[in-house]
PDB file of N, CA and C in Angstrom:
ATOM      1  N   UNK A   1       0.850  -1.174   0.000  1.00  0.00           N
ATOM      2  CA  UNK A   1       0.000   0.000   0.000  1.00  0.00           C
ATOM      3  C   UNK A   1       0.895   1.236   0.000  1.00  0.00           C
ATOM      4  N   UNK A   2       0.681   2.098  -0.952  1.00  0.00           N
ATOM      5  CA  UNK A   2       1.434   3.347  -1.026  1.00  0.00           C
ATOM      6  C   UNK A   2       0.467   4.500  -1.218  1.00  0.00           C
ATOM      7  N   UNK A   3       0.834   5.682  -0.764  1.00  0.00           N
ATOM      8  CA  UNK A   3      -0.059   6.827  -0.956  1.00  0.00           C
ATOM      9  C   UNK A   3      -0.137   7.185  -2.426  1.00  0.00           C
ATOM     10  N   UNK A   4      -1.260   7.687  -2.835  1.00  0.00           N
ATOM     11  CA  UNK A   4      -1.432   8.118  -4.216  1.00  0.00           C
ATOM     12  C   UNK A   4      -1.522   9.636  -4.257  1.00  0.00           C
ATOM     13  N   UNK A   5      -1.704  10.156  -5.452  1.00  0.00           N
ATOM     14  CA  UNK A   5      -1.813  11.608  -5.591  1.00  0.00           C
ATOM     15  C   UNK A   5      -2.981  12.185  -4.800  1.00  0.00           C
ATOM     16  N   UNK A   6      -4.019  11.380  -4.597  1.00  0.00           N
ATOM     17  CA  UNK A   6      -5.189  11.882  -3.872  1.00  0.00           C
ATOM     18  C   UNK A   6      -5.136  11.537  -2.385  1.00  0.00           C
ATOM     19  N   UNK A   7      -3.945  11.257  -1.850  1.00  0.00           N
ATOM     20  CA  UNK A   7      -3.752  10.977  -0.423  1.00  0.00           C
ATOM     21  C   UNK A   7      -4.681   9.895   0.093  1.00  0.00           C
ATOM     22  N   UNK A   8      -4.254   8.681  -0.056  1.00  0.00           N
ATOM     23  CA  UNK A   8      -4.950   7.511   0.465  1.00  0.00           C
ATOM     24  C   UNK A   8      -5.411   7.817   1.895  1.00  0.00           C
ATOM     25  N   UNK A   9      -6.686   7.634   2.190  1.00  0.00           N
ATOM     26  CA  UNK A   9      -7.268   7.979   3.487  1.00  0.00           C
ATOM     27  C   UNK A   9      -7.386   6.732   4.354  1.00  0.00           C
ATOM     28  N   UNK A  10      -6.731   6.762   5.513  1.00  0.00           N
ATOM     29  CA  UNK A  10      -6.707   5.630   6.434  1.00  0.00           C
ATOM     30  C   UNK A  10      -7.440   5.996   7.717  1.00  0.00           C
ATOM     31  N   UNK A  11      -8.403   5.171   8.104  1.00  0.00           N
ATOM     32  CA  UNK A  11      -9.108   5.324   9.383  1.00  0.00           C
ATOM     33  C   UNK A  11      -8.356   4.516  10.430  1.00  0.00           C
ATOM     34  N   UNK A  12      -7.958   5.169  11.516  1.00  0.00           N
ATOM     35  CA  UNK A  12      -7.248   4.528  12.617  1.00  0.00           C
ATOM     36  C   UNK A  12      -8.197   4.468  13.806  1.00  0.00           C
ATOM     37  N   UNK A  13      -8.432   3.252  14.310  1.00  0.00           N
ATOM     38  CA  UNK A  13      -9.346   3.068  15.442  1.00  0.00           C
ATOM     39  C   UNK A  13      -8.580   2.412  16.582  1.00  0.00           C
ATOM     40  N   UNK A  14      -8.378   3.171  17.662  1.00  0.00           N
ATOM     41  CA  UNK A  14      -7.662   2.656  18.827  1.00  0.00           C
ATOM     42  C   UNK A  14      -8.063   3.494  20.028  1.00  0.00           C
ATOM     43  N   UNK A  15      -8.375   2.846  21.144  1.00  0.00           N
ATOM     44  CA  UNK A  15      -8.761   3.585  22.337  1.00  0.00           C
ATOM     45  C   UNK A  15      -7.557   4.132  23.103  1.00  0.00           C
ATOM     46  N   UNK A  16      -6.350   3.737  22.709  1.00  0.00           N
ATOM     47  CA  UNK A  16      -5.133   4.228  23.338  1.00  0.00           C
ATOM     48  C   UNK A  16      -4.625   5.439  22.552  1.00  0.00           C
ATOM     49  N   UNK A  17      -4.660   6.607  23.185  1.00  0.00           N
ATOM     50  CA  UNK A  17      -4.263   7.851  22.513  1.00  0.00           C
ATOM     51  C   UNK A  17      -2.839   7.790  21.964  1.00  0.00           C
ATOM     52  N   UNK A  18      -1.913   7.248  22.753  1.00  0.00           N
ATOM     53  CA  UNK A  18      -0.512   7.180  22.350  1.00  0.00           C
ATOM     54  C   UNK A  18      -0.360   6.356  21.068  1.00  0.00           C
ATOM     55  N   UNK A  19      -0.978   5.192  21.035  1.00  0.00           N
ATOM     56  CA  UNK A  19      -0.894   4.338  19.850  1.00  0.00           C
ATOM     57  C   UNK A  19      -1.540   4.992  18.629  1.00  0.00           C
ATOM     58  N   UNK A  20      -2.734   5.530  18.839  1.00  0.00           N
ATOM     59  CA  UNK A  20      -3.479   6.147  17.740  1.00  0.00           C
ATOM     60  C   UNK A  20      -2.725   7.349  17.172  1.00  0.00           C
ATOM     61  N   UNK A  21      -2.254   8.216  18.038  1.00  0.00           N
ATOM     62  CA  UNK A  21      -1.553   9.420  17.591  1.00  0.00           C
ATOM     63  C   UNK A  21      -0.218   9.078  16.934  1.00  0.00           C
ATOM     64  N   UNK A  22       0.489   8.094  17.492  1.00  0.00           N
ATOM     65  CA  UNK A  22       1.771   7.689  16.920  1.00  0.00           C
ATOM     66  C   UNK A  22       1.618   7.111  15.523  1.00  0.00           C
ATOM     67  N   UNK A  23       0.624   6.253  15.342  1.00  0.00           N
ATOM     68  CA  UNK A  23       0.387   5.673  14.027  1.00  0.00           C
ATOM     69  C   UNK A  23      -0.064   6.751  13.039  1.00  0.00           C
ATOM     70  N   UNK A  24      -0.912   7.649  13.487  1.00  0.00           N
ATOM     71  CA  UNK A  24      -1.367   8.732  12.612  1.00  0.00           C
ATOM     72  C   UNK A  24      -0.187   9.583  12.148  1.00  0.00           C
ATOM     73  N   UNK A  25       0.691   9.927  13.061  1.00  0.00           N
ATOM     74  CA  UNK A  25       1.862  10.739  12.717  1.00  0.00           C
ATOM     75  C   UNK A  25       2.766  10.003  11.719  1.00  0.00           C
ATOM     76  N   UNK A  26       2.980   8.725  11.968  1.00  0.00           N
ATOM     77  CA  UNK A  26       3.809   7.922  11.069  1.00  0.00           C
ATOM     78  C   UNK A  26       3.200   7.889   9.663  1.00  0.00           C
ATOM     79  N   UNK A  27       1.915   7.609   9.580  1.00  0.00           N
ATOM     80  CA  UNK A  27       1.258   7.533   8.272  1.00  0.00           C
ATOM     81  C   UNK A  27       1.233   8.888   7.570  1.00  0.00           C
ATOM     82  N   UNK A  28       0.965   9.955   8.312  1.00  0.00           N
ATOM     83  CA  UNK A  28       0.947  11.290   7.718  1.00  0.00           C
ATOM     84  C   UNK A  28       2.329  11.658   7.178  1.00  0.00           C
ATOM     85  N   UNK A  29       3.370  11.331   7.926  1.00  0.00           N
ATOM     86  CA  UNK A  29       4.739  11.608   7.463  1.00  0.00           C
ATOM     87  C   UNK A  29       5.114  10.759   6.258  1.00  0.00           C
ATOM     88  N   UNK A  30       4.374   9.676   6.035  1.00  0.00           N
ATOM     89  CA  UNK A  30       4.603   8.797   4.892  1.00  0.00           C
ATOM     90  C   UNK A  30       3.720   9.164   3.703  1.00  0.00           C
ATOM     91  N   UNK A  31       2.940  10.237   3.835  1.00  0.00           N
ATOM     92  CA  UNK A  31       2.142  10.731   2.723  1.00  0.00           C
ATOM     93  C   UNK A  31       0.675  10.342   2.722  1.00  0.00           C
ATOM     94  N   UNK A  32       0.206   9.697   3.795  1.00  0.00           N
ATOM     95  CA  UNK A  32      -1.197   9.303   3.876  1.00  0.00           C
ATOM     96  C   UNK A  32      -2.002  10.371   4.616  1.00  0.00           C
ATOM     97  N   UNK A  33      -3.278  10.416   4.343  1.00  0.00           N
ATOM     98  CA  UNK A  33      -4.209  11.214   5.137  1.00  0.00           C
ATOM     99  C   UNK A  33      -4.850  10.278   6.150  1.00  0.00           C
ATOM    100  N   UNK A  34      -5.136  10.771   7.340  1.00  0.00           N
ATOM    101  CA  UNK A  34      -5.698   9.901   8.366  1.00  0.00           C
ATOM    102  C   UNK A  34      -6.937  10.501   9.017  1.00  0.00           C
ATOM    103  N   UNK A  35      -7.763   9.608   9.518  1.00  0.00           N
ATOM    104  CA  UNK A  35      -8.870   9.932  10.407  1.00  0.00           C
ATOM    105  C   UNK A  35      -8.629   9.100  11.655  1.00  0.00           C
ATOM    106  N   UNK A  36      -8.892   9.648  12.825  1.00  0.00           N
ATOM    107  CA  UNK A  36      -8.660   8.911  14.055  1.00  0.00           C
ATOM    108  C   UNK A  36      -9.937   8.811  14.865  1.00  0.00           C
ATOM    109  N   UNK A  37     -10.180   7.616  15.407  1.00  0.00           N
ATOM    110  CA  UNK A  37     -11.339   7.383  16.263  1.00  0.00           C
ATOM    111  C   UNK A  37     -10.893   6.624  17.503  1.00  0.00           C
ATOM    112  N   UNK A  38     -11.443   7.005  18.655  1.00  0.00           N
ATOM    113  CA  UNK A  38     -11.093   6.357  19.913  1.00  0.00           C
ATOM    114  C   UNK A  38     -12.083   5.258  20.288  1.00  0.00           C
ATOM    115  N   UNK A  39     -13.209   5.181  19.584  1.00  0.00           N
ATOM    116  CA  UNK A  39     -14.198   4.159  19.913  1.00  0.00           C
ATOM    117  C   UNK A  39     -15.002   3.789  18.668  1.00  0.00           C
ATOM    118  N   UNK A  40     -15.813   2.766  18.818  1.00  0.00           N
ATOM    119  CA  UNK A  40     -16.572   2.239  17.676  1.00  0.00           C
ATOM    120  C   UNK A  40     -17.549   3.261  17.114  1.00  0.00           C
ATOM    121  N   UNK A  41     -18.239   3.976  17.977  1.00  0.00           N
ATOM    122  CA  UNK A  41     -19.221   4.952  17.504  1.00  0.00           C
ATOM    123  C   UNK A  41     -18.565   6.011  16.627  1.00  0.00           C
ATOM    124  N   UNK A  42     -17.431   6.512  17.072  1.00  0.00           N
ATOM    125  CA  UNK A  42     -16.714   7.517  16.285  1.00  0.00           C
ATOM    126  C   UNK A  42     -16.197   6.912  14.982  1.00  0.00           C
ATOM    127  N   UNK A  43     -15.739   5.665  15.043  1.00  0.00           N
ATOM    128  CA  UNK A  43     -15.237   4.997  13.839  1.00  0.00           C
ATOM    129  C   UNK A  43     -16.333   4.860  12.785  1.00  0.00           C
ATOM    130  N   UNK A  44     -17.504   4.401  13.214  1.00  0.00           N
ATOM    131  CA  UNK A  44     -18.612   4.251  12.272  1.00  0.00           C
ATOM    132  C   UNK A  44     -19.003   5.598  11.665  1.00  0.00           C
ATOM    133  N   UNK A  45     -19.073   6.633  12.503  1.00  0.00           N
ATOM    134  CA  UNK A  45     -19.451   7.967  12.017  1.00  0.00           C
ATOM    135  C   UNK A  45     -18.424   8.499  11.018  1.00  0.00           C
ATOM    136  N   UNK A  46     -17.143   8.354  11.324  1.00  0.00           N
ATOM    137  CA  UNK A  46     -16.104   8.831  10.414  1.00  0.00           C
ATOM    138  C   UNK A  46     -16.105   8.044   9.106  1.00  0.00           C
ATOM    139  N   UNK A  47     -16.276   6.734   9.206  1.00  0.00           N
ATOM    140  CA  UNK A  47     -16.300   5.908   7.997  1.00  0.00           C
ATOM    141  C   UNK A  47     -17.469   6.287   7.095  1.00  0.00           C
ATOM    142  N   UNK A  48     -18.613   6.531   7.689  1.00  0.00           N
ATOM    143  CA  UNK A  48     -19.791   6.910   6.898  1.00  0.00           C
ATOM    144  C   UNK A  48     -19.642   8.292   6.278  1.00  0.00           C
ATOM    145  N   UNK A  49     -19.053   9.214   7.022  1.00  0.00           N
ATOM    146  CA  UNK A  49     -18.936  10.592   6.548  1.00  0.00           C
ATOM    147  C   UNK A  49     -17.796  10.790   5.545  1.00  0.00           C
ATOM    148  N   UNK A  50     -16.698  10.042   5.707  1.00  0.00           N
ATOM    149  CA  UNK A  50     -15.493  10.325   4.916  1.00  0.00           C
ATOM    150  C   UNK A  50     -15.066   9.209   3.966  1.00  0.00           C
ATOM    151  N   UNK A  51     -15.650   8.028   4.087  1.00  0.00           N
ATOM    152  CA  UNK A  51     -15.370   6.909   3.174  1.00  0.00           C
ATOM    153  C   UNK A  51     -13.870   6.633   3.035  1.00  0.00           C
ATOM    154  N   UNK A  52     -13.212   6.186   4.121  1.00  0.00           N
ATOM    155  CA  UNK A  52     -11.773   5.926   4.060  1.00  0.00           C
ATOM    156  C   UNK A  52     -11.445   4.806   3.070  1.00  0.00           C
ATOM    157  N   UNK A  53     -10.213   4.825   2.585  1.00  0.00           N
ATOM    158  CA  UNK A  53      -9.740   3.797   1.664  1.00  0.00           C
ATOM    159  C   UNK A  53      -9.360   2.514   2.392  1.00  0.00           C
ATOM    160  N   UNK A  54      -8.952   2.643   3.645  1.00  0.00           N
ATOM    161  CA  UNK A  54      -8.610   1.474   4.452  1.00  0.00           C
ATOM    162  C   UNK A  54      -8.728   1.835   5.927  1.00  0.00           C
ATOM    163  N   UNK A  55      -8.626   0.803   6.775  1.00  0.00           N
ATOM    164  CA  UNK A  55      -8.741   1.017   8.219  1.00  0.00           C
ATOM    165  C   UNK A  55      -7.720   0.167   8.955  1.00  0.00           C
ATOM    166  N   UNK A  56      -7.176   0.734  10.026  1.00  0.00           N
ATOM    167  CA  UNK A  56      -6.335   0.008  10.962  1.00  0.00           C
ATOM    168  C   UNK A  56      -7.094   0.027  12.279  1.00  0.00           C
ATOM    169  N   UNK A  57      -7.484  -1.171  12.760  1.00  0.00           N
ATOM    170  CA  UNK A  57      -8.358  -1.267  13.923  1.00  0.00           C
ATOM    171  C   UNK A  57      -7.667  -2.050  15.032  1.00  0.00           C
ATOM    172  N   UNK A  58      -7.653  -1.469  16.228  1.00  0.00           N
ATOM    173  CA  UNK A  58      -7.116  -2.126  17.414  1.00  0.00           C
ATOM    174  C   UNK A  58      -7.855  -3.452  17.621  1.00  0.00           C
ATOM    175  N   UNK A  59      -7.126  -4.503  17.893  1.00  0.00           N
ATOM    176  CA  UNK A  59      -7.735  -5.816  18.063  1.00  0.00           C
ATOM    177  C   UNK A  59      -8.524  -5.911  19.370  1.00  0.00           C
ATOM    178  N   UNK A  60      -8.197  -5.071  20.348  1.00  0.00           N
ATOM    179  CA  UNK A  60      -8.898  -5.090  21.637  1.00  0.00           C
ATOM    180  C   UNK A  60      -9.493  -3.717  21.887  1.00  0.00           C
ATOM    181  N   UNK A  61     -10.596  -3.427  21.229  1.00  0.00           N
ATOM    182  CA  UNK A  61     -11.275  -2.148  21.450  1.00  0.00           C
ATOM    183  C   UNK A  61     -12.579  -2.423  22.191  1.00  0.00           C
ATOM    184  N   UNK A  62     -12.803  -1.724  23.310  1.00  0.00           N
ATOM    185  CA  UNK A  62     -13.977  -2.023  24.128  1.00  0.00           C
ATOM    186  C   UNK A  62     -15.289  -1.601  23.466  1.00  0.00           C
ATOM    187  N   UNK A  63     -16.341  -2.261  23.881  1.00  0.00           N
ATOM    188  CA  UNK A  63     -17.718  -1.923  23.504  1.00  0.00           C
ATOM    189  C   UNK A  63     -17.965  -1.937  22.006  1.00  0.00           C
ATOM    190  N   UNK A  64     -17.439  -2.948  21.333  1.00  0.00           N
ATOM    191  CA  UNK A  64     -17.684  -3.083  19.903  1.00  0.00           C
ATOM    192  C   UNK A  64     -18.497  -4.353  19.680  1.00  0.00           C
ATOM    193  N   UNK A  65     -19.796  -4.194  19.412  1.00  0.00           N
ATOM    194  CA  UNK A  65     -20.577  -5.388  19.087  1.00  0.00           C
ATOM    195  C   UNK A  65     -20.003  -6.036  17.830  1.00  0.00           C
ATOM    196  N   UNK A  66     -19.666  -7.307  17.914  1.00  0.00           N
ATOM    197  CA  UNK A  66     -19.067  -7.987  16.774  1.00  0.00           C
ATOM    198  C   UNK A  66     -17.554  -7.852  16.733  1.00  0.00           C
ATOM    199  N   UNK A  67     -16.974  -7.113  17.674  1.00  0.00           N
ATOM    200  CA  UNK A  67     -15.526  -6.974  17.736  1.00  0.00           C
ATOM    201  C   UNK A  67     -14.971  -6.044  16.667  1.00  0.00           C
ATOM    202  N   UNK A  68     -13.662  -5.863  16.663  1.00  0.00           N
ATOM    203  CA  UNK A  68     -13.019  -4.964  15.707  1.00  0.00           C
ATOM    204  C   UNK A  68     -13.237  -5.401  14.265  1.00  0.00           C
ATOM    205  N   UNK A  69     -13.466  -6.676  14.064  1.00  0.00           N
ATOM    206  CA  UNK A  69     -13.720  -7.142  12.702  1.00  0.00           C
ATOM    207  C   UNK A  69     -14.981  -6.498  12.127  1.00  0.00           C
ATOM    208  N   UNK A  70     -15.937  -6.169  12.988  1.00  0.00           N
ATOM    209  CA  UNK A  70     -17.159  -5.525  12.515  1.00  0.00           C
ATOM    210  C   UNK A  70     -16.867  -4.137  11.955  1.00  0.00           C
ATOM    211  N   UNK A  71     -15.968  -3.402  12.574  1.00  0.00           N
ATOM    212  CA  UNK A  71     -15.596  -2.079  12.057  1.00  0.00           C
ATOM    213  C   UNK A  71     -14.920  -2.242  10.698  1.00  0.00           C
ATOM    214  N   UNK A  72     -13.947  -3.142  10.630  1.00  0.00           N
ATOM    215  CA  UNK A  72     -13.242  -3.371   9.367  1.00  0.00           C
ATOM    216  C   UNK A  72     -14.202  -3.844   8.287  1.00  0.00           C
ATOM    217  N   UNK A  73     -15.135  -4.723   8.650  1.00  0.00           N
ATOM    218  CA  UNK A  73     -16.132  -5.216   7.697  1.00  0.00           C
ATOM    219  C   UNK A  73     -16.990  -4.062   7.186  1.00  0.00           C
ATOM    220  N   UNK A  74     -17.443  -3.195   8.096  1.00  0.00           N
ATOM    221  CA  UNK A  74     -18.294  -2.064   7.701  1.00  0.00           C
ATOM    222  C   UNK A  74     -17.564  -1.138   6.744  1.00  0.00           C
ATOM    223  N   UNK A  75     -16.292  -0.867   7.009  1.00  0.00           N
ATOM    224  CA  UNK A  75     -15.502  -0.030   6.107  1.00  0.00           C
ATOM    225  C   UNK A  75     -15.346  -0.741   4.771  1.00  0.00           C
ATOM    226  N   UNK A  76     -15.090  -2.043   4.804  1.00  0.00           N
ATOM    227  CA  UNK A  76     -14.942  -2.829   3.582  1.00  0.00           C
ATOM    228  C   UNK A  76     -16.201  -2.856   2.742  1.00  0.00           C
ATOM    229  N   UNK A  77     -17.351  -2.942   3.367  1.00  0.00           N
ATOM    230  CA  UNK A  77     -18.622  -2.927   2.644  1.00  0.00           C
ATOM    231  C   UNK A  77     -18.786  -1.598   1.923  1.00  0.00           C
ATOM    232  N   UNK A  78     -18.441  -0.522   2.585  1.00  0.00           N
ATOM    233  CA  UNK A  78     -18.543   0.800   1.960  1.00  0.00           C
ATOM    234  C   UNK A  78     -17.583   0.906   0.779  1.00  0.00           C
ATOM    235  N   UNK A  79     -16.372   0.375   0.931  1.00  0.00           N
ATOM    236  CA  UNK A  79     -15.414   0.408  -0.176  1.00  0.00           C
ATOM    237  C   UNK A  79     -15.948  -0.373  -1.370  1.00  0.00           C
ATOM    238  N   UNK A  80     -16.548  -1.513  -1.108  1.00  0.00           N
ATOM    239  CA  UNK A  80     -17.105  -2.337  -2.188  1.00  0.00           C
ATOM    240  C   UNK A  80     -18.214  -1.583  -2.900  1.00  0.00           C
ATOM    241  N   UNK A  81     -19.070  -0.905  -2.159  1.00  0.00           N
ATOM    242  CA  UNK A  81     -20.147  -0.123  -2.776  1.00  0.00           C
ATOM    243  C   UNK A  81     -19.584   0.958  -3.701  1.00  0.00           C
ATOM    244  N   UNK A  82     -18.530   1.632  -3.256  1.00  0.00           N
ATOM    245  CA  UNK A  82     -17.944   2.690  -4.069  1.00  0.00           C
ATOM    246  C   UNK A  82     -17.291   2.140  -5.317  1.00  0.00           C
ATOM    247  N   UNK A  83     -16.637   0.989  -5.206  1.00  0.00           N
ATOM    248  CA  UNK A  83     -15.974   0.405  -6.358  1.00  0.00           C
ATOM    249  C   UNK A  83     -16.975  -0.060  -7.412  1.00  0.00           C
ATOM    250  N   UNK A  84     -18.140  -0.506  -6.977  1.00  0.00           N
ATOM    251  CA  UNK A  84     -19.151  -0.986  -7.910  1.00  0.00           C
ATOM    252  C   UNK A  84     -19.919   0.153  -8.572  1.00  0.00           C
ATOM    253  N   UNK A  85     -19.881   1.333  -7.978  1.00  0.00           N
ATOM    254  CA  UNK A  85     -20.652   2.472  -8.511  1.00  0.00           C
ATOM    255  C   UNK A  85     -20.037   3.030  -9.778  1.00  0.00           C
TER     256      UNK A  85
END
């Protein structure tokens, strides 16, 4: 995965501020655009509003019905819809 001219948008979901901010800084310095969410509700809202190209989701995020895979799945479903349009 490499950034493109339109700044590949990555959604970062992690309840740990240090981890989330560190990964965001690393990706931004590598040419990516990022969105950051500390919980599932924020992740879903950001994914719906901004349609990220990919997501990095903490494997142990609290209060996620269906677990972190559900967030990744939801982002993936949106990506599939956009690709088919």
